[in-house]
C-alpha atoms as a PDB file:
ATOM      1  CA  MET A   1      84.376 117.632  78.658  1.00  0.00           C
ATOM      2  CA  THR A   2      86.029 120.876  80.116  1.00  0.00           C
ATOM      3  CA  ASP A   3      86.439 122.352  83.422  1.00  0.00           C
ATOM      4  CA  ASP A   4      83.950 124.874  82.446  1.00  0.00           C
ATOM      5  CA  GLU A   5      81.609 122.273  81.272  1.00  0.00           C
ATOM      6  CA  ALA A   6      82.073 120.225  84.275  1.00  0.00           C
ATOM      7  CA  LEU A   7      81.093 122.868  86.143  1.00  0.00           C
ATOM      8  CA  ASP A   8      78.332 123.871  84.494  1.00  0.00           C
ATOM      9  CA  ALA A   9      76.730 120.332  84.657  1.00  0.00           C
ATOM     10  CA  TYR A  10      77.758 120.092  88.381  1.00  0.00           C
ATOM     11  CA  SER A  11      75.860 124.058  89.192  1.00  0.00           C
ATOM     12  CA  ARG A  12      72.826 122.787  86.615  1.00  0.00           C
ATOM     13  CA  ALA A  13      72.172 119.389  88.860  1.00  0.00           C
ATOM     14  CA  VAL A  14      72.503 121.727  92.035  1.00  0.00           C
ATOM     15  CA  VAL A  15      70.106 124.591  90.832  1.00  0.00           C
ATOM     16  CA  SER A  16      67.745 121.936  89.352  1.00  0.00           C
ATOM     17  CA  VAL A  17      67.602 120.372  93.027  1.00  0.00           C
ATOM     18  CA  ALA A  18      67.444 123.652  94.819  1.00  0.00           C
ATOM     19  CA  GLU A  19      64.324 124.734  92.477  1.00  0.00           C
ATOM     20  CA  LYS A  20      62.371 121.306  92.818  1.00  0.00           C
ATOM     21  CA  VAL A  21      62.805 120.987  96.637  1.00  0.00           C
ATOM     22  CA  LEU A  22      63.187 123.864  98.048  1.00  0.00           C
ATOM     23  CA  PRO A  23      59.601 125.198  98.052  1.00  0.00           C
ATOM     24  CA  SER A  24      58.600 122.229 100.210  1.00  0.00           C
ATOM     25  CA  VAL A  25      61.176 122.720 102.871  1.00  0.00           C
ATOM     26  CA  ALA A  26      59.818 124.679 105.876  1.00  0.00           C
ATOM     27  CA  SER A  27      61.371 126.969 108.347  1.00  0.00           C
ATOM     28  CA  LEU A  28      60.184 125.580 111.863  1.00  0.00           C
ATOM     29  CA  SER A  29      59.502 127.860 115.105  1.00  0.00           C
ATOM     30  CA  VAL A  30      58.976 125.884 118.240  1.00  0.00           C
ATOM     31  CA  ARG A  31      57.810 127.026 121.557  1.00  0.00           C
ATOM     32  CA  THR A  32      57.845 124.845 124.651  1.00  0.00           C
ATOM     33  CA  ALA A  33      58.117 125.479 128.332  1.00  0.00           C
ATOM     34  CA  GLN A  34      61.694 125.678 128.453  1.00  0.00           C
ATOM     35  CA  GLY A  35      61.778 128.354 125.354  1.00  0.00           C
ATOM     36  CA  GLY A  36      61.772 128.878 121.924  1.00  0.00           C
ATOM     37  CA  GLY A  37      63.505 126.669 119.288  1.00  0.00           C
ATOM     38  CA  ALA A  38      64.005 126.279 115.593  1.00  0.00           C
ATOM     39  CA  GLY A  39      64.962 123.531 112.530  1.00  0.00           C
ATOM     40  CA  SER A  40      63.525 122.883 109.049  1.00  0.00           C
ATOM     41  CA  ALA A  41      61.016 119.982 107.901  1.00  0.00           C
ATOM     42  CA  SER A  42      59.974 118.827 104.654  1.00  0.00           C
ATOM     43  CA  VAL A  43      56.441 118.186 103.252  1.00  0.00           C
ATOM     44  CA  ILE A  44      56.587 114.394 102.470  1.00  0.00           C
ATOM     45  CA  THR A  45      52.579 113.438 101.219  1.00  0.00           C
ATOM     46  CA  THR A  46      49.907 115.395  99.730  1.00  0.00           C
ATOM     47  CA  ASP A  47      47.928 116.072 102.355  1.00  0.00           C
ATOM     48  CA  GLY A  48      50.045 117.572 104.533  1.00  0.00           C
ATOM     49  CA  PHE A  49      52.515 115.743 106.221  1.00  0.00           C
ATOM     50  CA  LEU A  50      56.039 117.216 107.527  1.00  0.00           C
ATOM     51  CA  LEU A  51      59.177 115.181 108.568  1.00  0.00           C
ATOM     52  CA  THR A  52      61.728 116.818 110.631  1.00  0.00           C
ATOM     53  CA  SER A  53      64.202 116.003 113.128  1.00  0.00           C
ATOM     54  CA  ALA A  54      63.089 114.701 116.657  1.00  0.00           C
ATOM     55  CA  HIS A  55      65.190 116.957 118.763  1.00  0.00           C
ATOM     56  CA  VAL A  56      63.947 119.896 116.947  1.00  0.00           C
ATOM     57  CA  VAL A  57      60.265 119.666 118.054  1.00  0.00           C
ATOM     58  CA  VAL A  58      61.191 117.907 121.813  1.00  0.00           C
ATOM     59  CA  GLY A  59      58.660 119.292 124.124  1.00  0.00           C
ATOM     60  CA  ALA A  60      56.567 120.614 121.537  1.00  0.00           C
ATOM     61  CA  SER A  61      53.054 119.975 120.689  1.00  0.00           C
ATOM     62  CA  THR A  62      52.922 122.312 117.890  1.00  0.00           C
ATOM     63  CA  ALA A  63      54.755 124.041 115.476  1.00  0.00           C
ATOM     64  CA  GLU A  64      54.880 126.651 112.962  1.00  0.00           C
ATOM     65  CA  ALA A  65      55.879 126.072 109.554  1.00  0.00           C
ATOM     66  CA  SER A  66      57.069 128.957 107.223  1.00  0.00           C
ATOM     67  CA  PHE A  67      57.646 128.204 103.428  1.00  0.00           C
ATOM     68  CA  THR A  68      59.882 130.169 100.788  1.00  0.00           C
ATOM     69  CA  ASP A  69      56.887 131.673  99.134  1.00  0.00           C
ATOM     70  CA  GLY A  70      55.721 133.532 102.288  1.00  0.00           C
ATOM     71  CA  THR A  71      52.679 130.416 103.502  1.00  0.00           C
ATOM     72  CA  THR A  72      52.755 129.962 106.935  1.00  0.00           C
ATOM     73  CA  VAL A  73      50.663 126.868 108.627  1.00  0.00           C
ATOM     74  CA  ARG A  74      50.440 125.837 112.088  1.00  0.00           C
ATOM     75  CA  ALA A  75      51.212 122.159 112.321  1.00  0.00           C
ATOM     76  CA  ASP A  76      50.725 119.588 115.118  1.00  0.00           C
ATOM     77  CA  VAL A  77      53.312 117.199 116.301  1.00  0.00           C
ATOM     78  CA  VAL A  78      51.850 113.784 115.471  1.00  0.00           C
ATOM     79  CA  GLY A  79      55.092 111.577 116.676  1.00  0.00           C
ATOM     80  CA  ARG A  80      58.447 111.682 117.776  1.00  0.00           C
ATOM     81  CA  ASP A  81      60.908 108.997 117.889  1.00  0.00           C
ATOM     82  CA  PRO A  82      64.144 110.199 119.721  1.00  0.00           C
ATOM     83  CA  LEU A  83      65.504 106.612 118.970  1.00  0.00           C
ATOM     84  CA  SER A  84      66.026 107.367 115.099  1.00  0.00           C
ATOM     85  CA  ASP A  85      65.739 111.063 115.667  1.00  0.00           C
ATOM     86  CA  LEU A  86      62.772 111.333 113.379  1.00  0.00           C
ATOM     87  CA  ALA A  87      59.267 113.305 113.742  1.00  0.00           C
ATOM     88  CA  VAL A  88      56.144 113.828 111.955  1.00  0.00           C
ATOM     89  CA  LEU A  89      53.882 116.880 112.062  1.00  0.00           C
ATOM     90  CA  HIS A  90      50.712 117.646 109.928  1.00  0.00           C
ATOM     91  CA  ALA A  91      49.798 121.140 108.684  1.00  0.00           C
ATOM     92  CA  ARG A  92      46.556 122.648 109.501  1.00  0.00           C
ATOM     93  CA  GLY A  93      46.190 124.082 106.161  1.00  0.00           C
ATOM     94  CA  ASP A  94      47.476 123.826 102.501  1.00  0.00           C
ATOM     95  CA  THR A  95      51.077 123.372 101.809  1.00  0.00           C
ATOM     96  CA  PRO A  96      53.665 122.742  98.941  1.00  0.00           C
ATOM     97  CA  PRO A  97      53.662 119.155  96.869  1.00  0.00           C
ATOM     98  CA  PRO A  98      55.593 116.452  98.765  1.00  0.00           C
ATOM     99  CA  VAL A  99      59.669 115.835  98.138  1.00  0.00           C
ATOM    100  CA  PRO A 100      59.755 112.274  97.048  1.00  0.00           C
ATOM    101  CA  PHE A 101      61.738 109.619  99.059  1.00  0.00           C
ATOM    102  CA  GLY A 102      64.673 108.097  97.700  1.00  0.00           C
ATOM    103  CA  ASP A 103      67.070 105.198  98.806  1.00  0.00           C
ATOM    104  CA  ALA A 104      70.215 105.730 101.021  1.00  0.00           C
ATOM    105  CA  ALA A 105      70.939 102.128 100.634  1.00  0.00           C
ATOM    106  CA  ALA A 106      71.661 102.639  96.754  1.00  0.00           C
ATOM    107  CA  LEU A 107      74.107 105.677  97.869  1.00  0.00           C
ATOM    108  CA  ARG A 108      77.861 105.259  96.872  1.00  0.00           C
ATOM    109  CA  VAL A 109      80.618 106.908  98.671  1.00  0.00           C
ATOM    110  CA  GLY A 110      81.219 110.156  96.245  1.00  0.00           C
ATOM    111  CA  GLN A 111      78.152 110.550  94.861  1.00  0.00           C
ATOM    112  CA  LEU A 112      76.949 114.111  95.059  1.00  0.00           C
ATOM    113  CA  VAL A 113      74.483 115.181  97.873  1.00  0.00           C
ATOM    114  CA  ILE A 114      72.648 118.494  98.274  1.00  0.00           C
ATOM    115  CA  ALA A 115      71.692 119.589 101.908  1.00  0.00           C
ATOM    116  CA  LEU A 116      68.748 121.675 102.195  1.00  0.00           C
ATOM    117  CA  GLY A 117      67.038 123.613 104.652  1.00  0.00           C
ATOM    118  CA  ASN A 118      65.255 126.759 105.589  1.00  0.00           C
ATOM    119  CA  PRO A 119      66.929 128.097 109.034  1.00  0.00           C
ATOM    120  CA  LEU A 120      64.994 130.914 110.789  1.00  0.00           C
ATOM    121  CA  GLY A 121      62.896 131.684 107.581  1.00  0.00           C
ATOM    122  CA  LEU A 122      65.753 132.950 105.460  1.00  0.00           C
ATOM    123  CA  ALA A 123      64.451 131.703 102.073  1.00  0.00           C
ATOM    124  CA  GLY A 124      66.003 128.633 101.851  1.00  0.00           C
ATOM    125  CA  SER A 125      69.965 127.233 102.800  1.00  0.00           C
ATOM    126  CA  VAL A 126      71.469 125.215 100.030  1.00  0.00           C
ATOM    127  CA  THR A 127      74.872 123.298 100.414  1.00  0.00           C
ATOM    128  CA  ALA A 128      76.312 120.946  98.066  1.00  0.00           C
ATOM    129  CA  GLY A 129      79.111 118.302  98.675  1.00  0.00           C
ATOM    130  CA  ILE A 130      79.820 114.592  98.176  1.00  0.00           C
ATOM    131  CA  VAL A 131      78.984 111.165 100.148  1.00  0.00           C
ATOM    132  CA  SER A 132      81.923 110.856 102.644  1.00  0.00           C
ATOM    133  CA  ALA A 133      80.831 107.832 104.557  1.00  0.00           C
ATOM    134  CA  LEU A 134      78.092 105.515 104.998  1.00  0.00           C
ATOM    135  CA  GLY A 135      77.171 103.091 107.657  1.00  0.00           C
ATOM    136  CA  ARG A 136      78.390 105.627 110.229  1.00  0.00           C
ATOM    137  CA  SER A 137      76.670 105.299 113.782  1.00  0.00           C
ATOM    138  CA  LEU A 138      75.232 108.294 115.704  1.00  0.00           C
ATOM    139  CA  PRO A 139      74.825 108.279 119.161  1.00  0.00           C
ATOM    140  CA  THR A 140      71.834 109.998 120.677  1.00  0.00           C
ATOM    141  CA  GLY A 141      70.829 111.586 124.123  1.00  0.00           C
ATOM    142  CA  SER A 142      68.891 107.967 125.069  1.00  0.00           C
ATOM    143  CA  GLY A 143      72.173 106.172 125.074  1.00  0.00           C
ATOM    144  CA  ARG A 144      71.228 104.157 121.701  1.00  0.00           C
ATOM    145  CA  VAL A 145      72.470 104.755 118.553  1.00  0.00           C
ATOM    146  CA  ILE A 146      71.301 105.703 115.001  1.00  0.00           C
ATOM    147  CA  ASP A 147      72.414 102.935 112.433  1.00  0.00           C
ATOM    148  CA  GLU A 148      73.590 103.558 109.063  1.00  0.00           C
ATOM    149  CA  VAL A 149      74.054 107.347 109.333  1.00  0.00           C
ATOM    150  CA  VAL A 150      75.230 109.021 106.379  1.00  0.00           C
ATOM    151  CA  GLN A 151      78.377 111.467 106.399  1.00  0.00           C
ATOM    152  CA  THR A 152      78.582 114.178 104.008  1.00  0.00           C
ATOM    153  CA  ASP A 153      80.868 117.256 103.372  1.00  0.00           C
ATOM    154  CA  ALA A 154      77.771 119.584 102.845  1.00  0.00           C
ATOM    155  CA  ALA A 155      77.971 122.057 105.191  1.00  0.00           C
ATOM    156  CA  LEU A 156      74.956 122.258 107.394  1.00  0.00           C
ATOM    157  CA  ASN A 157      74.251 125.880 108.811  1.00  0.00           C
ATOM    158  CA  PRO A 158      72.061 126.619 112.219  1.00  0.00           C
ATOM    159  CA  GLY A 159      68.442 125.466 111.784  1.00  0.00           C
ATOM    160  CA  ASN A 160      68.955 123.192 109.097  1.00  0.00           C
ATOM    161  CA  SER A 161      68.416 120.104 111.305  1.00  0.00           C
ATOM    162  CA  GLY A 162      64.886 118.726 110.092  1.00  0.00           C
ATOM    163  CA  GLY A 163      66.200 119.754 106.701  1.00  0.00           C
ATOM    164  CA  VAL A 164      66.562 117.499 103.548  1.00  0.00           C
ATOM    165  CA  LEU A 165      69.394 115.897 102.029  1.00  0.00           C
ATOM    166  CA  ALA A 166      68.925 115.212  98.469  1.00  0.00           C
ATOM    167  CA  ASP A 167      70.540 113.251  95.670  1.00  0.00           C
ATOM    168  CA  SER A 168      70.989 114.922  92.187  1.00  0.00           C
ATOM    169  CA  ALA A 169      67.672 113.783  90.795  1.00  0.00           C
ATOM    170  CA  GLY A 170      65.678 115.720  93.932  1.00  0.00           C
ATOM    171  CA  ARG A 171      65.133 112.889  95.889  1.00  0.00           C
ATOM    172  CA  MET A 172      65.319 112.687  99.528  1.00  0.00           C
ATOM    173  CA  VAL A 173      67.984 110.093 100.808  1.00  0.00           C
ATOM    174  CA  GLY A 174      68.237 111.436 104.374  1.00  0.00           C
ATOM    175  CA  VAL A 175      67.391 114.224 106.991  1.00  0.00           C
ATOM    176  CA  ASN A 176      69.632 116.491 108.093  1.00  0.00           C
ATOM    177  CA  THR A 177      70.222 115.689 111.713  1.00  0.00           C
ATOM    178  CA  ALA A 178      73.712 116.820 113.281  1.00  0.00           C
ATOM    179  CA  VAL A 179      76.948 118.700 112.495  1.00  0.00           C
ATOM    180  CA  ALA A 180      79.986 116.270 113.818  1.00  0.00           C
ATOM    181  CA  GLY A 181      82.665 118.691 113.295  1.00  0.00           C
ATOM    182  CA  ILE A 182      84.266 120.977 110.701  1.00  0.00           C
ATOM    183  CA  GLY A 183      83.492 119.940 106.997  1.00  0.00           C
ATOM    184  CA  VAL A 184      81.433 117.093 108.208  1.00  0.00           C
ATOM    185  CA  GLY A 185      77.464 116.633 108.277  1.00  0.00           C
ATOM    186  CA  LEU A 186      75.242 113.796 109.393  1.00  0.00           C
ATOM    187  CA  ALA A 187      72.096 112.822 108.095  1.00  0.00           C
ATOM    188  CA  VAL A 188      69.599 109.779 109.302  1.00  0.00           C
ATOM    189  CA  PRO A 189      69.037 107.714 106.045  1.00  0.00           C
ATOM    190  CA  ILE A 190      65.783 107.582 103.984  1.00  0.00           C
ATOM    191  CA  ASN A 191      65.908 103.666 103.774  1.00  0.00           C
ATOM    192  CA  ALA A 192      63.364 100.887 103.967  1.00  0.00           C
ATOM    193  CA  THR A 193      63.554 100.529 107.996  1.00  0.00           C
ATOM    194  CA  THR A 194      63.306 104.475 108.308  1.00  0.00           C
ATOM    195  CA  ARG A 195      60.216 104.838 105.844  1.00  0.00           C
ATOM    196  CA  GLU A 196      58.551 102.184 108.305  1.00  0.00           C
ATOM    197  CA  ILE A 197      59.040 104.335 111.272  1.00  0.00           C
ATOM    198  CA  VAL A 198      57.666 107.293 109.643  1.00  0.00           C
ATOM    199  CA  THR A 199      54.464 105.322 108.286  1.00  0.00           C
ATOM    200  CA  THR A 200      54.465 104.153 111.902  1.00  0.00           C
ATOM    201  CA  LEU A 201      54.596 107.816 113.399  1.00  0.00           C
ATOM    202  CA  MET A 202      51.954 109.174 110.695  1.00  0.00           C
ATOM    203  CA  THR A 203      49.594 106.245 111.732  1.00  0.00           C
ATOM    204  CA  ARG A 204      49.893 105.423 115.403  1.00  0.00           C
ATOM    205  CA  GLY A 205      52.380 108.502 116.712  1.00  0.00           C
ATOM    206  CA  ARG A 206      55.140 106.394 118.223  1.00  0.00           C
ATOM    207  CA  VAL A 207      57.424 103.396 117.716  1.00  0.00           C
ATOM    208  CA  ARG A 208      57.163 100.450 119.825  1.00  0.00           C
ATOM    209  CA  ARG A 209      60.546  98.794 120.567  1.00  0.00           C
ATOM    210  CA  ALA A 210      61.700  96.094 122.729  1.00  0.00           C
ATOM    211  CA  TRP A 211      63.888  96.619 125.701  1.00  0.00           C
ATOM    212  CA  LEU A 212      66.659  93.328 126.803  1.00  0.00           C
ATOM    213  CA  GLY A 213      68.651  95.397 129.507  1.00  0.00           C
ATOM    214  CA  ILE A 214      72.024  94.663 128.836  1.00  0.00           C
ATOM    215  CA  ALA A 215      74.851  96.843 127.833  1.00  0.00           C
ATOM    216  CA  GLY A 216      78.108  95.364 125.996  1.00  0.00           C
ATOM    217  CA  THR A 217      80.801  95.556 123.924  1.00  0.00           C
ATOM    218  CA  GLN A 218      82.519  93.714 120.663  1.00  0.00           C
ATOM    219  CA  ALA A 219      85.119  91.156 122.257  1.00  0.00           C
ATOM    220  CA  PRO A 220      87.032  88.700 120.300  1.00  0.00           C
ATOM    221  CA  LEU A 221      85.935  84.699 120.758  1.00  0.00           C
ATOM    222  CA  PRO A 222      88.504  82.042 121.554  1.00  0.00           C
ATOM    223  CA  PRO A 223      90.090  80.857 118.317  1.00  0.00           C
ATOM    224  CA  HIS A 224      88.460  77.467 118.392  1.00  0.00           C
ATOM    225  CA  LEU A 225      84.735  79.048 118.693  1.00  0.00           C
ATOM    226  CA  ALA A 226      85.455  81.644 116.106  1.00  0.00           C
ATOM    227  CA  GLU A 227      86.067  79.091 113.981  1.00  0.00           C
ATOM    228  CA  ARG A 228      83.112  76.775 114.600  1.00  0.00           C
ATOM    229  CA  LEU A 229      80.699  79.935 114.478  1.00  0.00           C
ATOM    230  CA  GLY A 230      82.307  81.749 111.647  1.00  0.00           C
ATOM    231  CA  SER A 231      82.814  85.045 113.161  1.00  0.00           C
ATOM    232  CA  PRO A 232      86.153  86.333 115.438  1.00  0.00           C
ATOM    233  CA  THR A 233      83.984  88.111 117.766  1.00  0.00           C
ATOM    234  CA  GLY A 234      80.957  88.118 119.934  1.00  0.00           C
ATOM    235  CA  LEU A 235      79.319  90.710 122.514  1.00  0.00           C
ATOM    236  CA  MET A 236      80.754  90.759 125.845  1.00  0.00           C
ATOM    237  CA  VAL A 237      78.167  91.648 128.530  1.00  0.00           C
ATOM    238  CA  ALA A 238      79.456  94.576 130.518  1.00  0.00           C
ATOM    239  CA  GLY A 239      76.179  94.948 132.823  1.00  0.00           C
ATOM    240  CA  VAL A 240      72.884  93.800 133.033  1.00  0.00           C
ATOM    241  CA  SER A 241      69.931  96.328 134.236  1.00  0.00           C
ATOM    242  CA  PRO A 242      68.483  95.093 137.886  1.00  0.00           C
ATOM    243  CA  GLY A 243      65.304  93.461 137.247  1.00  0.00           C
ATOM    244  CA  SER A 244      65.448  93.388 133.290  1.00  0.00           C
ATOM    245  CA  PRO A 245      64.357  90.812 130.981  1.00  0.00           C
ATOM    246  CA  ALA A 246      67.891  90.077 130.673  1.00  0.00           C
ATOM    247  CA  ALA A 247      68.692  89.924 134.237  1.00  0.00           C
ATOM    248  CA  LEU A 248      65.347  87.642 134.928  1.00  0.00           C
ATOM    249  CA  ALA A 249      66.779  85.452 132.451  1.00  0.00           C
ATOM    250  CA  GLY A 250      69.946  84.992 134.211  1.00  0.00           C
ATOM    251  CA  LEU A 251      72.019  86.821 131.678  1.00  0.00           C
ATOM    252  CA  HIS A 252      75.293  88.439 133.720  1.00  0.00           C
ATOM    253  CA  ARG A 253      78.501  90.216 133.244  1.00  0.00           C
ATOM    254  CA  GLY A 254      80.854  88.358 131.530  1.00  0.00           C
ATOM    255  CA  ASP A 255      78.596  86.265 129.307  1.00  0.00           C
ATOM    256  CA  MET A 256      79.189  86.631 125.511  1.00  0.00           C
ATOM    257  CA  VAL A 257      76.531  86.586 123.592  1.00  0.00           C
ATOM    258  CA  VAL A 258      77.063  84.892 119.979  1.00  0.00           C
ATOM    259  CA  GLU A 259      73.243  84.722 118.691  1.00  0.00           C
ATOM    260  CA  LEU A 260      69.821  86.429 119.551  1.00  0.00           C
ATOM    261  CA  ASP A 261      66.983  84.625 118.215  1.00  0.00           C
ATOM    262  CA  GLY A 262      68.906  82.512 115.353  1.00  0.00           C
ATOM    263  CA  ASN A 263      70.687  85.794 114.384  1.00  0.00           C
ATOM    264  CA  ARG A 264      74.400  86.597 114.888  1.00  0.00           C
ATOM    265  CA  VAL A 265      75.241  89.281 116.867  1.00  0.00           C
ATOM    266  CA  VAL A 266      78.496  90.986 117.648  1.00  0.00           C
ATOM    267  CA  THR A 267      77.784  94.550 118.716  1.00  0.00           C
ATOM    268  CA  THR A 268      74.984  96.371 120.393  1.00  0.00           C
ATOM    269  CA  THR A 269      73.816  97.775 117.762  1.00  0.00           C
ATOM    270  CA  ALA A 270      72.957  94.395 116.117  1.00  0.00           C
ATOM    271  CA  VAL A 271      70.739  93.637 119.380  1.00  0.00           C
ATOM    272  CA  GLN A 272      69.132  96.798 118.747  1.00  0.00           C
ATOM    273  CA  LYS A 273      67.875  96.270 115.130  1.00  0.00           C
ATOM    274  CA  LEU A 274      66.263  92.846 116.479  1.00  0.00           C
ATOM    275  CA  MET A 275      64.557  94.761 119.213  1.00  0.00           C
ATOM    276  CA  VAL A 276      61.316  95.431 117.327  1.00  0.00           C
ATOM    277  CA  GLU A 277      57.722  95.248 118.052  1.00  0.00           C
ATOM    278  CA  ASP A 278      57.457  91.959 117.206  1.00  0.00           C
ATOM    279  CA  ALA A 279      59.979  90.943 120.174  1.00  0.00           C
ATOM    280  CA  ILE A 280      58.198  92.370 122.876  1.00  0.00           C
ATOM    281  CA  ASP A 281      56.935  89.700 125.447  1.00  0.00           C
ATOM    282  CA  ARG A 282      57.902  86.906 122.820  1.00  0.00           C
ATOM    283  CA  ARG A 283      60.021  83.968 123.764  1.00  0.00           C
ATOM    284  CA  ILE A 284      63.608  84.596 122.437  1.00  0.00           C
ATOM    285  CA  GLU A 285      66.582  82.408 122.762  1.00  0.00           C
ATOM    286  CA  ILE A 286      69.853  83.843 123.467  1.00  0.00           C
ATOM    287  CA  THR A 287      73.268  81.639 123.113  1.00  0.00           C
ATOM    288  CA  VAL A 288      76.111  82.717 125.206  1.00  0.00           C
ATOM    289  CA  TRP A 289      79.326  81.595 125.619  1.00  0.00           C
ATOM    290  CA  ARG A 290      80.030  80.887 129.573  1.00  0.00           C
ATOM    291  CA  ASN A 291      82.801  79.008 131.422  1.00  0.00           C
ATOM    292  CA  GLY A 292      83.820  77.345 128.227  1.00  0.00           C
ATOM    293  CA  ALA A 293      80.595  76.354 127.205  1.00  0.00           C
ATOM    294  CA  LEU A 294      77.950  77.554 124.615  1.00  0.00           C
ATOM    295  CA  VAL A 295      74.680  77.832 127.014  1.00  0.00           C
ATOM    296  CA  ASP A 296      71.045  78.867 125.783  1.00  0.00           C
ATOM    297  CA  VAL A 297      68.953  81.271 127.712  1.00  0.00           C
ATOM    298  CA  ILE A 298      65.280  82.040 127.228  1.00  0.00           C
ATOM    299  CA  VAL A 299      64.486  85.670 127.511  1.00  0.00           C
ATOM    300  CA  PHE A 300      61.237  87.490 127.306  1.00  0.00           C
ATOM    301  CA  PRO A 301      61.890  91.219 126.100  1.00  0.00           C
ATOM    302  CA  ARG A 302      59.249  93.879 127.413  1.00  0.00           C
ATOM    303  CA  GLU A 303      58.516  97.451 125.711  1.00  0.00           C
ATOM    304  CA  LEU A 304      61.127  99.857 125.850  1.00  0.00           C
ATOM    305  CA  THR A 305      59.339 102.724 127.571  1.00  0.00           C
END
């Protein structure tokens, strides 16, 4: 294959995705008590649900969605989940066809991806690049992190937050959420976890999560314990919120968490993954390394509010 032929193949892939996806990507105009805002959103169902970034619609109950064909509709904010930076809206009028979901779990470093948005109603924005890293974590304003973020070198323009990160087949594999630096863009993945979050937002308007009330950092375990547990590290508790479920259970600073509800944990992200709705008010056993011994602690997580 010649360079020209390769370029044509690359161009054809990008053009095909743009023609398929852009009509279903809207420019969002948001008004709140604090002022105006803008971003992008994409149609995800035939009955008018749209997906965007939670930070795009913070403080808003409605937004105006404008599509590349000139159609403009009002959309109600159905639900926001700041911890995943995802939000769902429902259009009051007809919308273009939905963008099909892909699976970010199938992405590979080096794979072609296309970032599509509709910033400020400028007839759509398309940039192409490759997946440069997988499994990144993105801190949020709440102090929690979004897991499995997709890093790409496809440039993200102002107003592209909430837009589509698509694979070469035109399937949504991410929601563009932030610019991490020059030449770096980040997207919340579309995978089994986030698809469940989106469904919950559409049906309930919010996502319920459990809360323990600990802060920690990954730290090395004593060699003999590491060999016994099959892991070199655990989660060192650096702080416990007063009155929290963790405090009431007797966890304290300096404890080394090695297991939670039968699962090995070595990072705060691992704990977050287990703090789902099912864990709220349920009896959960935590194993910690304390004063040279393994100690089991019983905790009842509360709902995160």
